[in-house]
Amino acid sequence: MREVVLAGLASVALAPLLLGATPPGSFTSPPPPTVAWPAGPGRDLVTTRCLFCHQAELIVAQRLTPAQWKKEVSKMVRWGAPLEPAEQAVLATYLATHYGPDKAPLTPATLTLPARSQR
């Protein structure tokens, strides 16, 4: 068992949390769903150049036109995304092909919470 030295009344309230206990009424969120990136030119760019800043859901939830994806990729490059000009075109085409306005909307993950206990 870990030994924790605390000082003050507020520390007494925090002690269970510091020892790893889950506070009453809280829950642990499930990990985000894994995205199966479609094969094709650009998939590796998404996984190596986009996902270190963005969660996959943010990308796949978009339903942008080719012009909008091109603009979005350009904006990300201005903000520091490490993409060469040729890679930008490949990435924008990949995203427009797989996440364009003609694709079905993203179905968000569902979270089932336990019933609240009656007090």
PDB file of N, CA and C in Angstrom:
ATOM      1  N   MET A   1       0.847  -1.187   0.000  1.00  0.00           N
ATOM      2  CA  MET A   1       0.000   0.000   0.000  1.00  0.00           C
ATOM      3  C   MET A   1       0.879   1.232   0.000  1.00  0.00           C
ATOM      4  N   ARG A   2       0.443   2.236  -0.763  1.00  0.00           N
ATOM      5  CA  ARG A   2       1.210   3.477  -0.797  1.00  0.00           C
ATOM      6  C   ARG A   2       0.944   4.304   0.445  1.00  0.00           C
ATOM      7  N   GLU A   3       1.963   4.982   0.874  1.00  0.00           N
ATOM      8  CA  GLU A   3       1.810   5.868   2.011  1.00  0.00           C
ATOM      9  C   GLU A   3       1.806   7.295   1.481  1.00  0.00           C
ATOM     10  N   VAL A   4       0.772   8.034   1.822  1.00  0.00           N
ATOM     11  CA  VAL A   4       0.647   9.406   1.367  1.00  0.00           C
ATOM     12  C   VAL A   4       0.552  10.307   2.576  1.00  0.00           C
ATOM     13  N   VAL A   5       1.400  11.299   2.622  1.00  0.00           N
ATOM     14  CA  VAL A   5       1.368  12.259   3.710  1.00  0.00           C
ATOM     15  C   VAL A   5       0.660  13.491   3.188  1.00  0.00           C
ATOM     16  N   LEU A   6      -0.413  13.866   3.871  1.00  0.00           N
ATOM     17  CA  LEU A   6      -1.221  14.991   3.435  1.00  0.00           C
ATOM     18  C   LEU A   6      -1.321  15.998   4.567  1.00  0.00           C
ATOM     19  N   ALA A   7      -1.517  17.231   4.185  1.00  0.00           N
ATOM     20  CA  ALA A   7      -1.668  18.270   5.188  1.00  0.00           C
ATOM     21  C   ALA A   7      -2.927  19.068   4.887  1.00  0.00           C
ATOM     22  N   GLY A   8      -3.686  19.337   5.908  1.00  0.00           N
ATOM     23  CA  GLY A   8      -4.863  20.180   5.737  1.00  0.00           C
ATOM     24  C   GLY A   8      -6.125  19.375   5.503  1.00  0.00           C
ATOM     25  N   LEU A   9      -7.261  20.009   5.757  1.00  0.00           N
ATOM     26  CA  LEU A   9      -8.551  19.359   5.627  1.00  0.00           C
ATOM     27  C   LEU A   9      -8.873  19.008   4.187  1.00  0.00           C
ATOM     28  N   ALA A  10      -8.535  19.870   3.225  1.00  0.00           N
ATOM     29  CA  ALA A  10      -8.803  19.580   1.813  1.00  0.00           C
ATOM     30  C   ALA A  10      -8.057  18.322   1.378  1.00  0.00           C
ATOM     31  N   SER A  11      -6.885  18.107   1.923  1.00  0.00           N
ATOM     32  CA  SER A  11      -6.105  16.933   1.558  1.00  0.00           C
ATOM     33  C   SER A  11      -6.783  15.651   1.994  1.00  0.00           C
ATOM     34  N   VAL A  12      -7.502  15.688   3.106  1.00  0.00           N
ATOM     35  CA  VAL A  12      -8.205  14.503   3.584  1.00  0.00           C
ATOM     36  C   VAL A  12      -9.272  14.098   2.568  1.00  0.00           C
ATOM     37  N   ALA A  13      -9.950  15.092   2.004  1.00  0.00           N
ATOM     38  CA  ALA A  13     -10.978  14.806   1.006  1.00  0.00           C
ATOM     39  C   ALA A  13     -10.369  14.265  -0.276  1.00  0.00           C
ATOM     40  N   LEU A  14      -9.174  14.680  -0.594  1.00  0.00           N
ATOM     41  CA  LEU A  14      -8.520  14.243  -1.824  1.00  0.00           C
ATOM     42  C   LEU A  14      -7.763  12.931  -1.672  1.00  0.00           C
ATOM     43  N   ALA A  15      -7.558  12.473  -0.475  1.00  0.00           N
ATOM     44  CA  ALA A  15      -6.749  11.276  -0.255  1.00  0.00           C
ATOM     45  C   ALA A  15      -7.217  10.076  -1.067  1.00  0.00           C
ATOM     46  N   PRO A  16      -8.524   9.748  -1.100  1.00  0.00           N
ATOM     47  CA  PRO A  16      -8.924   8.584  -1.899  1.00  0.00           C
ATOM     48  C   PRO A  16      -8.576   8.746  -3.382  1.00  0.00           C
ATOM     49  N   LEU A  17      -8.710   9.954  -3.887  1.00  0.00           N
ATOM     50  CA  LEU A  17      -8.386  10.172  -5.297  1.00  0.00           C
ATOM     51  C   LEU A  17      -6.894  10.009  -5.548  1.00  0.00           C
ATOM     52  N   LEU A  18      -6.089  10.494  -4.623  1.00  0.00           N
ATOM     53  CA  LEU A  18      -4.641  10.366  -4.772  1.00  0.00           C
ATOM     54  C   LEU A  18      -4.203   8.909  -4.688  1.00  0.00           C
ATOM     55  N   LEU A  19      -4.971   8.104  -3.992  1.00  0.00           N
ATOM     56  CA  LEU A  19      -4.635   6.689  -3.858  1.00  0.00           C
ATOM     57  C   LEU A  19      -5.231   5.850  -4.969  1.00  0.00           C
ATOM     58  N   GLY A  20      -5.909   6.492  -5.934  1.00  0.00           N
ATOM     59  CA  GLY A  20      -6.413   5.772  -7.086  1.00  0.00           C
ATOM     60  C   GLY A  20      -7.859   5.343  -7.002  1.00  0.00           C
ATOM     61  N   ALA A  21      -8.577   5.771  -5.983  1.00  0.00           N
ATOM     62  CA  ALA A  21      -9.982   5.391  -5.871  1.00  0.00           C
ATOM     63  C   ALA A  21     -10.819   6.193  -6.865  1.00  0.00           C
ATOM     64  N   THR A  22     -11.920   5.612  -7.290  1.00  0.00           N
ATOM     65  CA  THR A  22     -12.846   6.300  -8.191  1.00  0.00           C
ATOM     66  C   THR A  22     -13.883   7.001  -7.333  1.00  0.00           C
ATOM     67  N   PRO A  23     -14.068   8.304  -7.534  1.00  0.00           N
ATOM     68  CA  PRO A  23     -15.046   9.014  -6.710  1.00  0.00           C
ATOM     69  C   PRO A  23     -16.459   8.497  -6.961  1.00  0.00           C
ATOM     70  N   PRO A  24     -17.311   8.532  -5.951  1.00  0.00           N
ATOM     71  CA  PRO A  24     -18.685   8.066  -6.127  1.00  0.00           C
ATOM     72  C   PRO A  24     -19.381   8.847  -7.236  1.00  0.00           C
ATOM     73  N   GLY A  25     -20.173   8.135  -8.031  1.00  0.00           N
ATOM     74  CA  GLY A  25     -20.929   8.799  -9.094  1.00  0.00           C
ATOM     75  C   GLY A  25     -20.122   9.078 -10.347  1.00  0.00           C
ATOM     76  N   SER A  26     -18.866   8.706 -10.374  1.00  0.00           N
ATOM     77  CA  SER A  26     -18.056   8.956 -11.560  1.00  0.00           C
ATOM     78  C   SER A  26     -17.936   7.677 -12.374  1.00  0.00           C
ATOM     79  N   PHE A  27     -17.432   7.812 -13.560  1.00  0.00           N
ATOM     80  CA  PHE A  27     -17.224   6.652 -14.405  1.00  0.00           C
ATOM     81  C   PHE A  27     -15.988   6.900 -15.253  1.00  0.00           C
ATOM     82  N   THR A  28     -15.476   5.861 -15.812  1.00  0.00           N
ATOM     83  CA  THR A  28     -14.335   5.966 -16.700  1.00  0.00           C
ATOM     84  C   THR A  28     -14.840   5.891 -18.129  1.00  0.00           C
ATOM     85  N   SER A  29     -14.465   6.850 -18.935  1.00  0.00           N
ATOM     86  CA  SER A  29     -14.891   6.853 -20.328  1.00  0.00           C
ATOM     87  C   SER A  29     -14.228   5.714 -21.077  1.00  0.00           C
ATOM     88  N   PRO A  30     -14.970   5.102 -21.991  1.00  0.00           N
ATOM     89  CA  PRO A  30     -14.349   4.056 -22.805  1.00  0.00           C
ATOM     90  C   PRO A  30     -13.361   4.685 -23.772  1.00  0.00           C
ATOM     91  N   PRO A  31     -12.413   3.926 -24.270  1.00  0.00           N
ATOM     92  CA  PRO A  31     -11.490   4.490 -25.255  1.00  0.00           C
ATOM     93  C   PRO A  31     -12.257   4.850 -26.523  1.00  0.00           C
ATOM     94  N   PRO A  32     -11.783   5.860 -27.255  1.00  0.00           N
ATOM     95  CA  PRO A  32     -12.482   6.220 -28.483  1.00  0.00           C
ATOM     96  C   PRO A  32     -12.458   5.054 -29.470  1.00  0.00           C
ATOM     97  N   PRO A  33     -13.487   4.959 -30.303  1.00  0.00           N
ATOM     98  CA  PRO A  33     -13.508   3.864 -31.266  1.00  0.00           C
ATOM     99  C   PRO A  33     -12.339   3.973 -32.244  1.00  0.00           C
ATOM    100  N   THR A  34     -11.893   2.840 -32.711  1.00  0.00           N
ATOM    101  CA  THR A  34     -10.812   2.804 -33.676  1.00  0.00           C
ATOM    102  C   THR A  34     -11.387   3.045 -35.070  1.00  0.00           C
ATOM    103  N   VAL A  35     -10.738   3.888 -35.832  1.00  0.00           N
ATOM    104  CA  VAL A  35     -11.176   4.162 -37.198  1.00  0.00           C
ATOM    105  C   VAL A  35     -10.402   3.246 -38.131  1.00  0.00           C
ATOM    106  N   ALA A  36     -11.118   2.579 -39.009  1.00  0.00           N
ATOM    107  CA  ALA A  36     -10.485   1.757 -40.042  1.00  0.00           C
ATOM    108  C   ALA A  36     -10.306   2.654 -41.267  1.00  0.00           C
ATOM    109  N   TRP A  37      -9.138   3.209 -41.423  1.00  0.00           N
ATOM    110  CA  TRP A  37      -8.872   4.118 -42.533  1.00  0.00           C
ATOM    111  C   TRP A  37      -8.884   3.335 -43.837  1.00  0.00           C
ATOM    112  N   PRO A  38      -9.661   3.783 -44.813  1.00  0.00           N
ATOM    113  CA  PRO A  38      -9.697   3.079 -46.099  1.00  0.00           C
ATOM    114  C   PRO A  38      -8.316   3.068 -46.759  1.00  0.00           C
ATOM    115  N   ALA A  39      -8.030   1.982 -47.467  1.00  0.00           N
ATOM    116  CA  ALA A  39      -6.759   1.878 -48.179  1.00  0.00           C
ATOM    117  C   ALA A  39      -6.717   2.918 -49.289  1.00  0.00           C
ATOM    118  N   GLY A  40      -5.527   3.316 -49.632  1.00  0.00           N
ATOM    119  CA  GLY A  40      -5.354   4.239 -50.744  1.00  0.00           C
ATOM    120  C   GLY A  40      -4.285   5.260 -50.460  1.00  0.00           C
ATOM    121  N   PRO A  41      -3.859   5.959 -51.524  1.00  0.00           N
ATOM    122  CA  PRO A  41      -2.866   7.016 -51.338  1.00  0.00           C
ATOM    123  C   PRO A  41      -3.426   8.067 -50.395  1.00  0.00           C
ATOM    124  N   GLY A  42      -2.697   8.357 -49.361  1.00  0.00           N
ATOM    125  CA  GLY A  42      -3.123   9.350 -48.380  1.00  0.00           C
ATOM    126  C   GLY A  42      -3.390   8.762 -47.015  1.00  0.00           C
ATOM    127  N   ARG A  43      -3.658   7.454 -46.935  1.00  0.00           N
ATOM    128  CA  ARG A  43      -3.943   6.851 -45.629  1.00  0.00           C
ATOM    129  C   ARG A  43      -2.762   7.022 -44.686  1.00  0.00           C
ATOM    130  N   ASP A  44      -1.562   6.765 -45.158  1.00  0.00           N
ATOM    131  CA  ASP A  44      -0.387   6.912 -44.291  1.00  0.00           C
ATOM    132  C   ASP A  44      -0.180   8.365 -43.862  1.00  0.00           C
ATOM    133  N   LEU A  45      -0.547   9.300 -44.719  1.00  0.00           N
ATOM    134  CA  LEU A  45      -0.423  10.712 -44.347  1.00  0.00           C
ATOM    135  C   LEU A  45      -1.371  11.047 -43.200  1.00  0.00           C
ATOM    136  N   VAL A  46      -2.581  10.530 -43.256  1.00  0.00           N
ATOM    137  CA  VAL A  46      -3.532  10.782 -42.164  1.00  0.00           C
ATOM    138  C   VAL A  46      -2.969  10.234 -40.858  1.00  0.00           C
ATOM    139  N   THR A  47      -2.507   8.986 -40.895  1.00  0.00           N
ATOM    140  CA  THR A  47      -2.081   8.344 -39.654  1.00  0.00           C
ATOM    141  C   THR A  47      -0.772   8.904 -39.107  1.00  0.00           C
ATOM    142  N   THR A  48       0.080   9.452 -39.976  1.00  0.00           N
ATOM    143  CA  THR A  48       1.367   9.963 -39.487  1.00  0.00           C
ATOM    144  C   THR A  48       1.420  11.483 -39.359  1.00  0.00           C
ATOM    145  N   ARG A  49       0.566  12.192 -40.062  1.00  0.00           N
ATOM    146  CA  ARG A  49       0.666  13.655 -40.047  1.00  0.00           C
ATOM    147  C   ARG A  49      -0.530  14.348 -39.424  1.00  0.00           C
ATOM    148  N   CYS A  50      -1.632  13.643 -39.258  1.00  0.00           N
ATOM    149  CA  CYS A  50      -2.847  14.270 -38.717  1.00  0.00           C
ATOM    150  C   CYS A  50      -3.150  13.809 -37.293  1.00  0.00           C
ATOM    151  N   LEU A  51      -2.970  12.519 -37.042  1.00  0.00           N
ATOM    152  CA  LEU A  51      -3.439  11.951 -35.787  1.00  0.00           C
ATOM    153  C   LEU A  51      -2.585  12.288 -34.580  1.00  0.00           C
ATOM    154  N   PHE A  52      -1.423  12.897 -34.774  1.00  0.00           N
ATOM    155  CA  PHE A  52      -0.663  13.280 -33.584  1.00  0.00           C
ATOM    156  C   PHE A  52      -1.236  14.551 -32.970  1.00  0.00           C
ATOM    157  N   CYS A  53      -2.109  15.258 -33.707  1.00  0.00           N
ATOM    158  CA  CYS A  53      -2.794  16.425 -33.141  1.00  0.00           C
ATOM    159  C   CYS A  53      -4.292  16.203 -32.981  1.00  0.00           C
ATOM    160  N   HIS A  54      -4.881  15.443 -33.881  1.00  0.00           N
ATOM    161  CA  HIS A  54      -6.334  15.272 -33.901  1.00  0.00           C
ATOM    162  C   HIS A  54      -6.741  13.853 -33.543  1.00  0.00           C
ATOM    163  N   GLN A  55      -7.901  13.753 -32.898  1.00  0.00           N
ATOM    164  CA  GLN A  55      -8.512  12.436 -32.744  1.00  0.00           C
ATOM    165  C   GLN A  55      -9.156  12.086 -34.072  1.00  0.00           C
ATOM    166  N   ALA A  56      -9.190  10.811 -34.368  1.00  0.00           N
ATOM    167  CA  ALA A  56      -9.715  10.361 -35.649  1.00  0.00           C
ATOM    168  C   ALA A  56     -11.146  10.830 -35.891  1.00  0.00           C
ATOM    169  N   GLU A  57     -11.966  10.848 -34.844  1.00  0.00           N
ATOM    170  CA  GLU A  57     -13.366  11.220 -35.005  1.00  0.00           C
ATOM    171  C   GLU A  57     -13.526  12.636 -35.547  1.00  0.00           C
ATOM    172  N   LEU A  58     -12.630  13.525 -35.171  1.00  0.00           N
ATOM    173  CA  LEU A  58     -12.704  14.894 -35.671  1.00  0.00           C
ATOM    174  C   LEU A  58     -12.536  14.925 -37.183  1.00  0.00           C
ATOM    175  N   ILE A  59     -11.671  14.080 -37.697  1.00  0.00           N
ATOM    176  CA  ILE A  59     -11.419  14.044 -39.137  1.00  0.00           C
ATOM    177  C   ILE A  59     -12.565  13.358 -39.864  1.00  0.00           C
ATOM    178  N   VAL A  60     -12.949  12.178 -39.406  1.00  0.00           N
ATOM    179  CA  VAL A  60     -13.956  11.410 -40.146  1.00  0.00           C
ATOM    180  C   VAL A  60     -15.361  11.984 -40.011  1.00  0.00           C
ATOM    181  N   ALA A  61     -15.590  12.854 -39.055  1.00  0.00           N
ATOM    182  CA  ALA A  61     -16.914  13.478 -38.915  1.00  0.00           C
ATOM    183  C   ALA A  61     -17.143  14.546 -39.982  1.00  0.00           C
ATOM    184  N   GLN A  62     -16.079  15.049 -40.570  1.00  0.00           N
ATOM    185  CA  GLN A  62     -16.200  16.087 -41.596  1.00  0.00           C
ATOM    186  C   GLN A  62     -16.787  15.494 -42.866  1.00  0.00           C
ATOM    187  N   ARG A  63     -17.559  16.252 -43.545  1.00  0.00           N
ATOM    188  CA  ARG A  63     -18.099  15.861 -44.853  1.00  0.00           C
ATOM    189  C   ARG A  63     -17.905  17.068 -45.769  1.00  0.00           C
ATOM    190  N   LEU A  64     -16.655  17.239 -46.205  1.00  0.00           N
ATOM    191  CA  LEU A  64     -16.286  18.432 -46.969  1.00  0.00           C
ATOM    192  C   LEU A  64     -16.125  18.112 -48.451  1.00  0.00           C
ATOM    193  N   THR A  65     -16.302  19.131 -49.256  1.00  0.00           N
ATOM    194  CA  THR A  65     -16.087  19.009 -50.696  1.00  0.00           C
ATOM    195  C   THR A  65     -14.580  18.961 -50.955  1.00  0.00           C
ATOM    196  N   PRO A  66     -14.168  18.572 -52.168  1.00  0.00           N
ATOM    197  CA  PRO A  66     -12.724  18.587 -52.466  1.00  0.00           C
ATOM    198  C   PRO A  66     -12.090  19.969 -52.232  1.00  0.00           C
ATOM    199  N   ALA A  67     -12.785  21.037 -52.626  1.00  0.00           N
ATOM    200  CA  ALA A  67     -12.232  22.387 -52.413  1.00  0.00           C
ATOM    201  C   ALA A  67     -12.115  22.704 -50.923  1.00  0.00           C
ATOM    202  N   GLN A  68     -13.093  22.276 -50.145  1.00  0.00           N
ATOM    203  CA  GLN A  68     -13.048  22.525 -48.706  1.00  0.00           C
ATOM    204  C   GLN A  68     -11.942  21.717 -48.031  1.00  0.00           C
ATOM    205  N   TRP A  69     -11.750  20.462 -48.462  1.00  0.00           N
ATOM    206  CA  TRP A  69     -10.659  19.666 -47.888  1.00  0.00           C
ATOM    207  C   TRP A  69      -9.313  20.293 -48.238  1.00  0.00           C
ATOM    208  N   LYS A  70      -9.177  20.771 -49.470  1.00  0.00           N
ATOM    209  CA  LYS A  70      -7.919  21.413 -49.872  1.00  0.00           C
ATOM    210  C   LYS A  70      -7.646  22.631 -48.992  1.00  0.00           C
ATOM    211  N   LYS A  71      -8.678  23.411 -48.752  1.00  0.00           N
ATOM    212  CA  LYS A  71      -8.535  24.591 -47.903  1.00  0.00           C
ATOM    213  C   LYS A  71      -8.207  24.187 -46.462  1.00  0.00           C
ATOM    214  N   GLU A  72      -8.855  23.137 -45.968  1.00  0.00           N
ATOM    215  CA  GLU A  72      -8.616  22.660 -44.604  1.00  0.00           C
ATOM    216  C   GLU A  72      -7.178  22.158 -44.444  1.00  0.00           C
ATOM    217  N   VAL A  73      -6.699  21.396 -45.418  1.00  0.00           N
ATOM    218  CA  VAL A  73      -5.319  20.892 -45.365  1.00  0.00           C
ATOM    219  C   VAL A  73      -4.336  22.065 -45.419  1.00  0.00           C
ATOM    220  N   SER A  74      -4.601  23.043 -46.267  1.00  0.00           N
ATOM    221  CA  SER A  74      -3.730  24.233 -46.337  1.00  0.00           C
ATOM    222  C   SER A  74      -3.689  24.963 -45.005  1.00  0.00           C
ATOM    223  N   LYS A  75      -4.841  25.082 -44.363  1.00  0.00           N
ATOM    224  CA  LYS A  75      -4.905  25.736 -43.049  1.00  0.00           C
ATOM    225  C   LYS A  75      -4.056  24.972 -42.035  1.00  0.00           C
ATOM    226  N   MET A  76      -4.148  23.631 -42.053  1.00  0.00           N
ATOM    227  CA  MET A  76      -3.368  22.831 -41.111  1.00  0.00           C
ATOM    228  C   MET A  76      -1.867  23.007 -41.356  1.00  0.00           C
ATOM    229  N   VAL A  77      -1.479  23.136 -42.613  1.00  0.00           N
ATOM    230  CA  VAL A  77      -0.060  23.370 -42.926  1.00  0.00           C
ATOM    231  C   VAL A  77       0.368  24.730 -42.378  1.00  0.00           C
ATOM    232  N   ARG A  78      -0.472  25.739 -42.529  1.00  0.00           N
ATOM    233  CA  ARG A  78      -0.137  27.062 -41.966  1.00  0.00           C
ATOM    234  C   ARG A  78       0.002  26.989 -40.454  1.00  0.00           C
ATOM    235  N   TRP A  79      -0.720  26.077 -39.829  1.00  0.00           N
ATOM    236  CA  TRP A  79      -0.667  25.923 -38.380  1.00  0.00           C
ATOM    237  C   TRP A  79       0.418  24.943 -37.943  1.00  0.00           C
ATOM    238  N   GLY A  80       1.185  24.410 -38.909  1.00  0.00           N
ATOM    239  CA  GLY A  80       2.333  23.594 -38.549  1.00  0.00           C
ATOM    240  C   GLY A  80       2.304  22.135 -38.954  1.00  0.00           C
ATOM    241  N   ALA A  81       1.273  21.691 -39.661  1.00  0.00           N
ATOM    242  CA  ALA A  81       1.252  20.289 -40.095  1.00  0.00           C
ATOM    243  C   ALA A  81       2.431  20.031 -41.034  1.00  0.00           C
ATOM    244  N   PRO A  82       3.182  18.975 -40.790  1.00  0.00           N
ATOM    245  CA  PRO A  82       4.379  18.708 -41.586  1.00  0.00           C
ATOM    246  C   PRO A  82       4.054  18.003 -42.907  1.00  0.00           C
ATOM    247  N   LEU A  83       3.597  18.765 -43.882  1.00  0.00           N
ATOM    248  CA  LEU A  83       3.234  18.212 -45.193  1.00  0.00           C
ATOM    249  C   LEU A  83       3.922  18.982 -46.301  1.00  0.00           C
ATOM    250  N   GLU A  84       4.522  18.251 -47.213  1.00  0.00           N
ATOM    251  CA  GLU A  84       5.086  18.854 -48.418  1.00  0.00           C
ATOM    252  C   GLU A  84       3.935  19.196 -49.370  1.00  0.00           C
ATOM    253  N   PRO A  85       4.133  20.129 -50.317  1.00  0.00           N
ATOM    254  CA  PRO A  85       3.062  20.496 -51.244  1.00  0.00           C
ATOM    255  C   PRO A  85       2.441  19.298 -51.974  1.00  0.00           C
ATOM    256  N   ALA A  86       3.245  18.365 -52.445  1.00  0.00           N
ATOM    257  CA  ALA A  86       2.691  17.190 -53.132  1.00  0.00           C
ATOM    258  C   ALA A  86       1.869  16.331 -52.177  1.00  0.00           C
ATOM    259  N   GLU A  87       2.300  16.231 -50.930  1.00  0.00           N
ATOM    260  CA  GLU A  87       1.556  15.460 -49.932  1.00  0.00           C
ATOM    261  C   GLU A  87       0.218  16.109 -49.610  1.00  0.00           C
ATOM    262  N   GLN A  88       0.181  17.434 -49.622  1.00  0.00           N
ATOM    263  CA  GLN A  88      -1.068  18.151 -49.342  1.00  0.00           C
ATOM    264  C   GLN A  88      -2.146  17.761 -50.352  1.00  0.00           C
ATOM    265  N   ALA A  89      -1.775  17.705 -51.607  1.00  0.00           N
ATOM    266  CA  ALA A  89      -2.741  17.346 -52.650  1.00  0.00           C
ATOM    267  C   ALA A  89      -3.221  15.911 -52.478  1.00  0.00           C
ATOM    268  N   VAL A  90      -2.309  15.002 -52.169  1.00  0.00           N
ATOM    269  CA  VAL A  90      -2.668  13.595 -51.968  1.00  0.00           C
ATOM    270  C   VAL A  90      -3.612  13.465 -50.773  1.00  0.00           C
ATOM    271  N   LEU A  91      -3.291  14.141 -49.687  1.00  0.00           N
ATOM    272  CA  LEU A  91      -4.112  14.074 -48.486  1.00  0.00           C
ATOM    273  C   LEU A  91      -5.504  14.650 -48.734  1.00  0.00           C
ATOM    274  N   ALA A  92      -5.571  15.814 -49.362  1.00  0.00           N
ATOM    275  CA  ALA A  92      -6.874  16.438 -49.635  1.00  0.00           C
ATOM    276  C   ALA A  92      -7.732  15.547 -50.532  1.00  0.00           C
ATOM    277  N   THR A  93      -7.124  14.914 -51.522  1.00  0.00           N
ATOM    278  CA  THR A  93      -7.861  14.012 -52.413  1.00  0.00           C
ATOM    279  C   THR A  93      -8.359  12.789 -51.646  1.00  0.00           C
ATOM    280  N   TYR A  94      -7.511  12.221 -50.816  1.00  0.00           N
ATOM    281  CA  TYR A  94      -7.903  11.063 -50.004  1.00  0.00           C
ATOM    282  C   TYR A  94      -9.095  11.416 -49.106  1.00  0.00           C
ATOM    283  N   LEU A  95      -8.994  12.532 -48.410  1.00  0.00           N
ATOM    284  CA  LEU A  95     -10.067  12.922 -47.496  1.00  0.00           C
ATOM    285  C   LEU A  95     -11.362  13.218 -48.243  1.00  0.00           C
ATOM    286  N   ALA A  96     -11.263  13.881 -49.383  1.00  0.00           N
ATOM    287  CA  ALA A  96     -12.460  14.188 -50.170  1.00  0.00           C
ATOM    288  C   ALA A  96     -13.098  12.921 -50.722  1.00  0.00           C
ATOM    289  N   THR A  97     -12.279  11.961 -51.089  1.00  0.00           N
ATOM    290  CA  THR A  97     -12.790  10.699 -51.632  1.00  0.00           C
ATOM    291  C   THR A  97     -13.550   9.909 -50.576  1.00  0.00           C
ATOM    292  N   HIS A  98     -13.009   9.855 -49.372  1.00  0.00           N
ATOM    293  CA  HIS A  98     -13.585   9.003 -48.335  1.00  0.00           C
ATOM    294  C   HIS A  98     -14.493   9.740 -47.347  1.00  0.00           C
ATOM    295  N   TYR A  99     -14.370  11.054 -47.273  1.00  0.00           N
ATOM    296  CA  TYR A  99     -15.136  11.828 -46.292  1.00  0.00           C
ATOM    297  C   TYR A  99     -15.747  13.069 -46.945  1.00  0.00           C
ATOM    298  N   GLY A 100     -16.311  12.864 -48.103  1.00  0.00           N
ATOM    299  CA  GLY A 100     -16.958  13.952 -48.838  1.00  0.00           C
ATOM    300  C   GLY A 100     -18.419  14.088 -48.448  1.00  0.00           C
ATOM    301  N   PRO A 101     -19.086  15.100 -48.996  1.00  0.00           N
ATOM    302  CA  PRO A 101     -20.485  15.355 -48.634  1.00  0.00           C
ATOM    303  C   PRO A 101     -21.446  14.259 -49.094  1.00  0.00           C
ATOM    304  N   ASP A 102     -21.014  13.408 -50.020  1.00  0.00           N
ATOM    305  CA  ASP A 102     -21.887  12.328 -50.501  1.00  0.00           C
ATOM    306  C   ASP A 102     -21.816  11.079 -49.618  1.00  0.00           C
ATOM    307  N   LYS A 103     -20.953  11.094 -48.609  1.00  0.00           N
ATOM    308  CA  LYS A 103     -20.803   9.939 -47.721  1.00  0.00           C
ATOM    309  C   LYS A 103     -21.805  10.028 -46.574  1.00  0.00           C
ATOM    310  N   ALA A 104     -22.144   8.874 -46.011  1.00  0.00           N
ATOM    311  CA  ALA A 104     -23.076   8.840 -44.887  1.00  0.00           C
ATOM    312  C   ALA A 104     -22.472   9.588 -43.698  1.00  0.00           C
ATOM    313  N   PRO A 105     -23.305  10.240 -42.914  1.00  0.00           N
ATOM    314  CA  PRO A 105     -22.774  10.940 -41.741  1.00  0.00           C
ATOM    315  C   PRO A 105     -22.174   9.961 -40.744  1.00  0.00           C
ATOM    316  N   LEU A 106     -21.244  10.439 -39.978  1.00  0.00           N
ATOM    317  CA  LEU A 106     -20.614   9.633 -38.945  1.00  0.00           C
ATOM    318  C   LEU A 106     -21.644   9.284 -37.884  1.00  0.00           C
ATOM    319  N   THR A 107     -21.676   8.033 -37.496  1.00  0.00           N
ATOM    320  CA  THR A 107     -22.529   7.615 -36.392  1.00  0.00           C
ATOM    321  C   THR A 107     -21.677   7.662 -35.135  1.00  0.00           C
ATOM    322  N   PRO A 108     -21.997   8.558 -34.213  1.00  0.00           N
ATOM    323  CA  PRO A 108     -21.155   8.672 -33.026  1.00  0.00           C
ATOM    324  C   PRO A 108     -21.229   7.433 -32.150  1.00  0.00           C
ATOM    325  N   ALA A 109     -20.177   7.216 -31.418  1.00  0.00           N
ATOM    326  CA  ALA A 109     -20.145   6.107 -30.475  1.00  0.00           C
ATOM    327  C   ALA A 109     -21.177   6.357 -29.388  1.00  0.00           C
ATOM    328  N   THR A 110     -21.740   5.309 -28.859  1.00  0.00           N
ATOM    329  CA  THR A 110     -22.702   5.458 -27.774  1.00  0.00           C
ATOM    330  C   THR A 110     -22.041   5.045 -26.472  1.00  0.00           C
ATOM    331  N   LEU A 111     -22.531   5.605 -25.422  1.00  0.00           N
ATOM    332  CA  LEU A 111     -22.004   5.329 -24.096  1.00  0.00           C
ATOM    333  C   LEU A 111     -23.174   4.930 -23.216  1.00  0.00           C
ATOM    334  N   THR A 112     -23.107   3.776 -22.627  1.00  0.00           N
ATOM    335  CA  THR A 112     -24.163   3.304 -21.733  1.00  0.00           C
ATOM    336  C   THR A 112     -23.690   3.493 -20.307  1.00  0.00           C
ATOM    337  N   LEU A 113     -24.422   4.287 -19.580  1.00  0.00           N
ATOM    338  CA  LEU A 113     -24.079   4.547 -18.184  1.00  0.00           C
ATOM    339  C   LEU A 113     -24.930   3.677 -17.273  1.00  0.00           C
ATOM    340  N   PRO A 114     -24.382   3.270 -16.149  1.00  0.00           N
ATOM    341  CA  PRO A 114     -25.204   2.498 -15.218  1.00  0.00           C
ATOM    342  C   PRO A 114     -26.313   3.381 -14.653  1.00  0.00           C
ATOM    343  N   ALA A 115     -27.411   2.740 -14.258  1.00  0.00           N
ATOM    344  CA  ALA A 115     -28.519   3.491 -13.675  1.00  0.00           C
ATOM    345  C   ALA A 115     -28.048   4.162 -12.394  1.00  0.00           C
ATOM    346  N   ARG A 116     -28.581   5.348 -12.164  1.00  0.00           N
ATOM    347  CA  ARG A 116     -28.221   6.076 -10.943  1.00  0.00           C
ATOM    348  C   ARG A 116     -28.897   5.422  -9.758  1.00  0.00           C
ATOM    349  N   SER A 117     -28.169   5.325  -8.696  1.00  0.00           N
ATOM    350  CA  SER A 117     -28.765   4.753  -7.482  1.00  0.00           C
ATOM    351  C   SER A 117     -29.657   5.789  -6.817  1.00  0.00           C
ATOM    352  N   GLN A 118     -30.733   5.322  -6.240  1.00  0.00           N
ATOM    353  CA  GLN A 118     -31.662   6.204  -5.548  1.00  0.00           C
ATOM    354  C   GLN A 118     -31.121   6.462  -4.145  1.00  0.00           C
ATOM    355  N   ARG A 119     -31.090   7.711  -3.783  1.00  0.00           N
ATOM    356  CA  ARG A 119     -30.607   8.052  -2.425  1.00  0.00           C
ATOM    357  C   ARG A 119     -31.736   8.483  -1.563  1.00  0.00           C
TER     358      ARG A 119
END
